[in-house]
N, C-alpha and C. Protein backbone atom coordinates (compact mmCIF):
# COMPACT_ATOMS: atom_id res chain seq x y z
N UNK A 1 -21.59 -96.48 31.36
CA UNK A 1 -21.58 -95.95 32.71
C UNK A 1 -22.94 -96.13 33.38
N UNK A 2 -23.76 -95.09 33.34
CA UNK A 2 -25.07 -95.16 33.98
C UNK A 2 -26.12 -94.97 32.91
N UNK A 3 -27.14 -95.81 32.94
CA UNK A 3 -28.21 -95.68 31.97
C UNK A 3 -29.00 -94.42 32.24
N UNK A 4 -29.52 -93.81 31.18
CA UNK A 4 -30.27 -92.56 31.32
C UNK A 4 -31.45 -92.72 32.26
N UNK A 5 -32.09 -93.89 32.28
CA UNK A 5 -33.22 -94.11 33.16
C UNK A 5 -32.80 -93.99 34.63
N UNK A 6 -31.54 -94.37 34.94
CA UNK A 6 -31.05 -94.33 36.30
C UNK A 6 -30.60 -92.96 36.75
N UNK A 7 -30.49 -92.00 35.81
CA UNK A 7 -30.00 -90.67 36.14
C UNK A 7 -30.94 -89.94 37.10
N UNK A 8 -32.22 -90.30 37.09
CA UNK A 8 -33.16 -89.63 38.00
C UNK A 8 -32.92 -90.05 39.46
N UNK A 9 -32.17 -91.11 39.67
CA UNK A 9 -31.91 -91.62 41.01
C UNK A 9 -30.64 -91.05 41.64
N UNK A 10 -29.96 -90.16 40.90
CA UNK A 10 -28.68 -89.64 41.40
C UNK A 10 -28.64 -88.11 41.34
N UNK A 11 -27.79 -87.54 42.18
CA UNK A 11 -27.45 -86.12 42.12
C UNK A 11 -25.97 -86.05 41.73
N UNK A 12 -25.71 -85.61 40.51
CA UNK A 12 -24.34 -85.57 40.00
C UNK A 12 -23.54 -84.49 40.72
N UNK A 13 -22.35 -84.84 41.16
CA UNK A 13 -21.42 -83.89 41.75
C UNK A 13 -20.51 -83.35 40.66
N UNK A 14 -19.92 -84.27 39.89
CA UNK A 14 -18.96 -83.88 38.85
C UNK A 14 -18.95 -84.97 37.79
N UNK A 15 -18.83 -84.55 36.52
CA UNK A 15 -18.84 -85.54 35.43
C UNK A 15 -17.92 -85.05 34.32
N UNK A 16 -17.06 -85.96 33.84
CA UNK A 16 -16.21 -85.71 32.68
C UNK A 16 -16.21 -86.97 31.83
N UNK A 17 -15.45 -86.95 30.73
CA UNK A 17 -15.32 -88.17 29.92
C UNK A 17 -14.54 -89.23 30.70
N UNK A 18 -13.76 -88.80 31.70
CA UNK A 18 -12.95 -89.74 32.48
C UNK A 18 -13.78 -90.47 33.54
N UNK A 19 -14.73 -89.78 34.15
CA UNK A 19 -15.50 -90.41 35.21
C UNK A 19 -16.65 -89.55 35.68
N UNK A 20 -17.35 -90.07 36.68
CA UNK A 20 -18.49 -89.37 37.25
C UNK A 20 -18.49 -89.59 38.76
N UNK A 21 -18.88 -88.56 39.49
CA UNK A 21 -19.07 -88.68 40.93
C UNK A 21 -20.48 -88.18 41.22
N UNK A 22 -21.16 -88.87 42.11
CA UNK A 22 -22.54 -88.50 42.41
C UNK A 22 -22.98 -89.06 43.76
N UNK A 23 -24.09 -88.50 44.23
CA UNK A 23 -24.79 -89.03 45.41
C UNK A 23 -25.98 -89.82 44.89
N UNK A 24 -26.24 -90.96 45.52
CA UNK A 24 -27.51 -91.63 45.28
C UNK A 24 -28.55 -90.85 46.08
N UNK A 25 -29.68 -90.56 45.51
CA UNK A 25 -30.71 -89.78 46.21
C UNK A 25 -31.18 -90.47 47.47
N UNK A 26 -31.08 -91.78 47.50
CA UNK A 26 -31.51 -92.54 48.68
C UNK A 26 -30.45 -92.62 49.76
N UNK A 27 -29.21 -92.21 49.44
CA UNK A 27 -28.13 -92.29 50.42
C UNK A 27 -27.15 -91.14 50.19
N UNK A 28 -27.45 -90.00 50.80
CA UNK A 28 -26.67 -88.78 50.58
C UNK A 28 -25.41 -88.69 51.44
N UNK A 29 -25.16 -89.68 52.29
CA UNK A 29 -23.98 -89.60 53.16
C UNK A 29 -22.73 -90.22 52.54
N UNK A 30 -22.87 -90.81 51.35
CA UNK A 30 -21.73 -91.40 50.65
C UNK A 30 -21.71 -90.93 49.21
N UNK A 31 -20.51 -90.94 48.65
CA UNK A 31 -20.30 -90.49 47.27
C UNK A 31 -19.93 -91.70 46.43
N UNK A 32 -20.55 -91.82 45.28
CA UNK A 32 -20.18 -92.87 44.32
C UNK A 32 -19.20 -92.25 43.34
N UNK A 33 -18.02 -92.84 43.22
CA UNK A 33 -17.01 -92.42 42.25
C UNK A 33 -16.88 -93.55 41.23
N UNK A 34 -16.97 -93.20 39.96
CA UNK A 34 -16.82 -94.21 38.91
C UNK A 34 -15.82 -93.66 37.90
N UNK A 35 -14.69 -94.36 37.74
CA UNK A 35 -13.69 -94.00 36.73
C UNK A 35 -12.94 -95.27 36.35
N UNK A 36 -12.25 -95.17 35.20
CA UNK A 36 -11.67 -96.37 34.58
C UNK A 36 -12.79 -97.40 34.49
N UNK A 37 -12.61 -98.56 35.03
CA UNK A 37 -13.67 -99.56 35.05
C UNK A 37 -13.98 -99.96 36.49
N UNK A 38 -13.91 -98.96 37.38
CA UNK A 38 -14.09 -99.21 38.80
C UNK A 38 -15.10 -98.26 39.41
N UNK A 39 -15.71 -98.70 40.48
CA UNK A 39 -16.59 -97.84 41.25
C UNK A 39 -16.20 -97.90 42.71
N UNK A 40 -16.26 -96.75 43.36
CA UNK A 40 -16.00 -96.65 44.79
C UNK A 40 -17.20 -95.97 45.43
N UNK A 41 -17.64 -96.46 46.57
CA UNK A 41 -18.75 -95.89 47.31
C UNK A 41 -18.18 -95.45 48.65
N UNK A 42 -17.89 -94.14 48.78
CA UNK A 42 -17.10 -93.65 49.90
C UNK A 42 -17.77 -92.52 50.66
N UNK A 43 -17.44 -92.42 51.93
CA UNK A 43 -17.82 -91.26 52.73
C UNK A 43 -16.92 -90.10 52.31
N UNK A 44 -17.35 -88.88 52.60
CA UNK A 44 -16.57 -87.70 52.21
C UNK A 44 -15.15 -87.77 52.74
N UNK A 45 -14.97 -88.18 53.96
CA UNK A 45 -13.63 -88.26 54.55
C UNK A 45 -12.76 -89.27 53.79
N UNK A 46 -13.36 -90.35 53.31
CA UNK A 46 -12.62 -91.34 52.54
C UNK A 46 -12.20 -90.78 51.17
N UNK A 47 -13.03 -89.94 50.59
CA UNK A 47 -12.66 -89.30 49.32
C UNK A 47 -11.44 -88.40 49.56
N UNK A 48 -11.44 -87.69 50.69
CA UNK A 48 -10.30 -86.83 51.04
C UNK A 48 -9.03 -87.66 51.26
N UNK A 49 -9.17 -88.80 51.90
CA UNK A 49 -8.02 -89.70 52.11
C UNK A 49 -7.50 -90.21 50.76
N UNK A 50 -8.41 -90.59 49.89
CA UNK A 50 -8.05 -91.08 48.56
C UNK A 50 -7.28 -89.98 47.81
N UNK A 51 -7.75 -88.76 47.89
CA UNK A 51 -7.09 -87.62 47.24
C UNK A 51 -5.68 -87.43 47.81
N UNK A 52 -5.54 -87.55 49.11
CA UNK A 52 -4.23 -87.44 49.77
C UNK A 52 -3.31 -88.56 49.29
N UNK A 53 -3.85 -89.76 49.16
CA UNK A 53 -3.06 -90.90 48.67
C UNK A 53 -2.57 -90.66 47.24
N UNK A 54 -3.39 -90.02 46.43
CA UNK A 54 -3.00 -89.70 45.05
C UNK A 54 -1.81 -88.74 45.07
N UNK A 55 -1.90 -87.72 45.90
CA UNK A 55 -0.80 -86.74 45.98
C UNK A 55 0.49 -87.40 46.45
N UNK A 56 0.38 -88.35 47.38
CA UNK A 56 1.57 -89.09 47.85
C UNK A 56 2.13 -89.98 46.74
N UNK A 57 1.25 -90.58 45.95
CA UNK A 57 1.70 -91.45 44.85
C UNK A 57 2.40 -90.65 43.76
N UNK A 58 1.99 -89.40 43.56
CA UNK A 58 2.66 -88.54 42.58
C UNK A 58 4.12 -88.38 42.96
N UNK A 59 4.38 -88.22 44.24
CA UNK A 59 5.76 -88.08 44.72
C UNK A 59 6.55 -89.37 44.55
N UNK A 60 5.87 -90.51 44.65
CA UNK A 60 6.51 -91.82 44.52
C UNK A 60 7.13 -91.99 43.14
N UNK A 61 6.40 -91.62 42.10
CA UNK A 61 6.91 -91.73 40.74
C UNK A 61 7.08 -93.16 40.27
N UNK A 62 7.66 -93.30 39.09
CA UNK A 62 7.87 -94.62 38.46
C UNK A 62 9.21 -95.22 38.89
N UNK A 63 9.41 -96.46 38.52
CA UNK A 63 10.69 -97.10 38.80
C UNK A 63 11.78 -96.44 37.95
N UNK A 64 12.99 -96.47 38.42
CA UNK A 64 14.08 -95.76 37.75
C UNK A 64 14.46 -96.37 36.39
N UNK A 65 14.17 -97.65 36.16
CA UNK A 65 14.53 -98.29 34.90
C UNK A 65 13.44 -98.17 33.83
N UNK A 66 12.38 -97.48 34.14
CA UNK A 66 11.22 -97.42 33.25
C UNK A 66 11.56 -96.71 31.94
N UNK A 67 11.24 -97.39 30.82
CA UNK A 67 11.49 -96.82 29.50
C UNK A 67 10.32 -95.96 29.02
N UNK A 68 9.13 -96.18 29.58
CA UNK A 68 7.95 -95.39 29.22
C UNK A 68 7.25 -94.91 30.50
N UNK A 69 7.86 -93.98 31.23
CA UNK A 69 7.32 -93.58 32.53
C UNK A 69 5.91 -93.00 32.50
N UNK A 70 5.52 -92.40 31.38
CA UNK A 70 4.19 -91.80 31.32
C UNK A 70 3.09 -92.87 31.25
N UNK A 71 3.37 -94.01 30.61
CA UNK A 71 2.36 -95.05 30.41
C UNK A 71 2.54 -96.29 31.26
N UNK A 72 3.68 -96.43 31.91
CA UNK A 72 3.97 -97.60 32.72
C UNK A 72 3.09 -97.62 33.97
N UNK A 73 2.46 -98.74 34.23
CA UNK A 73 1.57 -98.86 35.39
C UNK A 73 2.34 -99.39 36.61
N UNK A 74 3.43 -98.71 36.93
CA UNK A 74 4.27 -99.17 38.02
C UNK A 74 4.02 -98.42 39.33
N UNK A 75 3.08 -97.49 39.33
CA UNK A 75 2.78 -96.73 40.55
C UNK A 75 1.64 -97.41 41.28
N UNK A 76 1.86 -97.72 42.55
CA UNK A 76 0.80 -98.32 43.36
C UNK A 76 0.07 -97.21 44.11
N UNK A 77 -1.22 -97.09 43.85
CA UNK A 77 -2.05 -96.07 44.47
C UNK A 77 -2.90 -96.72 45.56
N UNK A 78 -2.69 -96.28 46.78
CA UNK A 78 -3.50 -96.79 47.90
C UNK A 78 -4.90 -96.21 47.80
N UNK A 79 -5.88 -97.04 48.05
CA UNK A 79 -7.27 -96.59 48.10
C UNK A 79 -7.65 -96.45 49.57
N UNK A 80 -8.84 -95.92 49.84
CA UNK A 80 -9.26 -95.83 51.25
C UNK A 80 -9.40 -97.20 51.93
N UNK A 81 -9.50 -98.26 51.15
CA UNK A 81 -9.52 -99.61 51.71
C UNK A 81 -8.08 -100.09 51.86
N UNK A 82 -7.71 -100.49 53.04
CA UNK A 82 -6.34 -100.95 53.27
C UNK A 82 -6.02 -102.23 52.50
N UNK A 83 -7.03 -102.89 51.96
CA UNK A 83 -6.83 -104.15 51.26
C UNK A 83 -6.71 -103.98 49.74
N UNK A 84 -6.90 -102.74 49.24
CA UNK A 84 -6.91 -102.54 47.80
C UNK A 84 -5.95 -101.42 47.40
N UNK A 85 -5.07 -101.73 46.43
CA UNK A 85 -4.20 -100.74 45.80
C UNK A 85 -4.39 -100.89 44.29
N UNK A 86 -4.25 -99.78 43.59
CA UNK A 86 -4.40 -99.79 42.14
C UNK A 86 -3.05 -99.58 41.48
N UNK A 87 -2.77 -100.33 40.43
CA UNK A 87 -1.56 -100.11 39.63
C UNK A 87 -1.95 -99.11 38.55
N UNK A 88 -1.32 -97.94 38.58
CA UNK A 88 -1.68 -96.87 37.65
C UNK A 88 -0.43 -96.30 36.99
N UNK A 89 -0.65 -95.67 35.85
CA UNK A 89 0.44 -94.96 35.17
C UNK A 89 0.47 -93.52 35.67
N UNK A 90 1.52 -92.83 35.30
CA UNK A 90 1.65 -91.42 35.67
C UNK A 90 0.49 -90.61 35.09
N UNK A 91 0.12 -90.92 33.85
CA UNK A 91 -0.99 -90.21 33.20
C UNK A 91 -2.32 -90.50 33.90
N UNK A 92 -2.56 -91.77 34.25
CA UNK A 92 -3.80 -92.11 34.96
C UNK A 92 -3.84 -91.42 36.32
N UNK A 93 -2.71 -91.38 36.98
CA UNK A 93 -2.62 -90.72 38.28
C UNK A 93 -2.99 -89.25 38.15
N UNK A 94 -2.52 -88.63 37.09
CA UNK A 94 -2.84 -87.23 36.82
C UNK A 94 -4.35 -87.05 36.63
N UNK A 95 -4.97 -87.95 35.86
CA UNK A 95 -6.42 -87.88 35.63
C UNK A 95 -7.21 -88.12 36.91
N UNK A 96 -6.78 -89.09 37.70
CA UNK A 96 -7.45 -89.37 38.98
C UNK A 96 -7.34 -88.17 39.90
N UNK A 97 -6.17 -87.55 39.93
CA UNK A 97 -5.96 -86.36 40.76
C UNK A 97 -6.91 -85.24 40.36
N UNK A 98 -7.00 -84.96 39.06
CA UNK A 98 -7.91 -83.91 38.58
C UNK A 98 -9.36 -84.26 38.92
N UNK A 99 -9.73 -85.51 38.74
CA UNK A 99 -11.09 -85.97 39.00
C UNK A 99 -11.46 -85.82 40.47
N UNK A 100 -10.59 -86.28 41.36
CA UNK A 100 -10.88 -86.19 42.80
C UNK A 100 -10.85 -84.74 43.28
N UNK A 101 -9.91 -83.94 42.78
CA UNK A 101 -9.85 -82.52 43.16
C UNK A 101 -11.13 -81.80 42.77
N UNK A 102 -11.58 -82.03 41.54
CA UNK A 102 -12.81 -81.39 41.08
C UNK A 102 -14.02 -81.88 41.85
N UNK A 103 -14.06 -83.17 42.15
CA UNK A 103 -15.18 -83.71 42.93
C UNK A 103 -15.25 -83.04 44.30
N UNK A 104 -14.11 -82.95 44.99
CA UNK A 104 -14.08 -82.30 46.31
C UNK A 104 -14.47 -80.83 46.21
N UNK A 105 -14.00 -80.15 45.18
CA UNK A 105 -14.33 -78.75 44.98
C UNK A 105 -15.84 -78.57 44.78
N UNK A 106 -16.43 -79.39 43.92
CA UNK A 106 -17.86 -79.29 43.66
C UNK A 106 -18.70 -79.68 44.87
N UNK A 107 -18.20 -80.61 45.67
CA UNK A 107 -18.90 -80.96 46.91
C UNK A 107 -18.95 -79.76 47.85
N UNK A 108 -17.83 -79.06 47.96
CA UNK A 108 -17.76 -77.88 48.82
C UNK A 108 -18.69 -76.78 48.32
N UNK A 109 -18.73 -76.59 47.01
CA UNK A 109 -19.63 -75.58 46.44
C UNK A 109 -21.09 -75.93 46.75
N UNK A 110 -21.45 -77.19 46.57
CA UNK A 110 -22.83 -77.62 46.84
C UNK A 110 -23.19 -77.39 48.31
N UNK A 111 -22.24 -77.69 49.21
CA UNK A 111 -22.49 -77.47 50.65
C UNK A 111 -22.68 -75.99 50.93
N UNK A 112 -21.81 -75.17 50.35
CA UNK A 112 -21.88 -73.72 50.57
C UNK A 112 -23.20 -73.16 50.05
N UNK A 113 -23.60 -73.58 48.85
CA UNK A 113 -24.85 -73.08 48.28
C UNK A 113 -26.06 -73.53 49.11
N UNK A 114 -25.99 -74.75 49.63
CA UNK A 114 -27.09 -75.25 50.47
C UNK A 114 -27.18 -74.43 51.76
N UNK A 115 -26.04 -74.09 52.34
CA UNK A 115 -26.02 -73.27 53.56
C UNK A 115 -26.49 -71.85 53.27
N UNK A 116 -26.11 -71.32 52.13
CA UNK A 116 -26.50 -69.96 51.74
C UNK A 116 -27.99 -69.84 51.48
N UNK A 117 -28.58 -70.92 51.01
CA UNK A 117 -30.01 -70.92 50.70
C UNK A 117 -30.86 -70.90 51.98
N UNK A 118 -30.30 -71.35 53.08
CA UNK A 118 -31.06 -71.42 54.34
C UNK A 118 -30.99 -70.16 55.10
């Protein structure tokens, strides 16, 4: 993921074994999301759109003929870029949902604490 030497250049928002979300100290207006083998560099509103897309994909579900619905990568997840969709399994979708929900939650806490400190 990120080398320890590079950790001083970031402010971590949320981190699990599945992924990490953080702000680059030099650019606090965008969030870096890294999970699976992908990275996204998004504005807060785009993270919210991505989260909404995940919730819509959960409703979509797998194809009806699927023999392994939990592991089948038949769900197309729209990203904030209209040109990119991810093929994910139901389990991956669940992990992405938890990751994005926690990232948004921790972002809100950081904002609240920053406002409270002033």
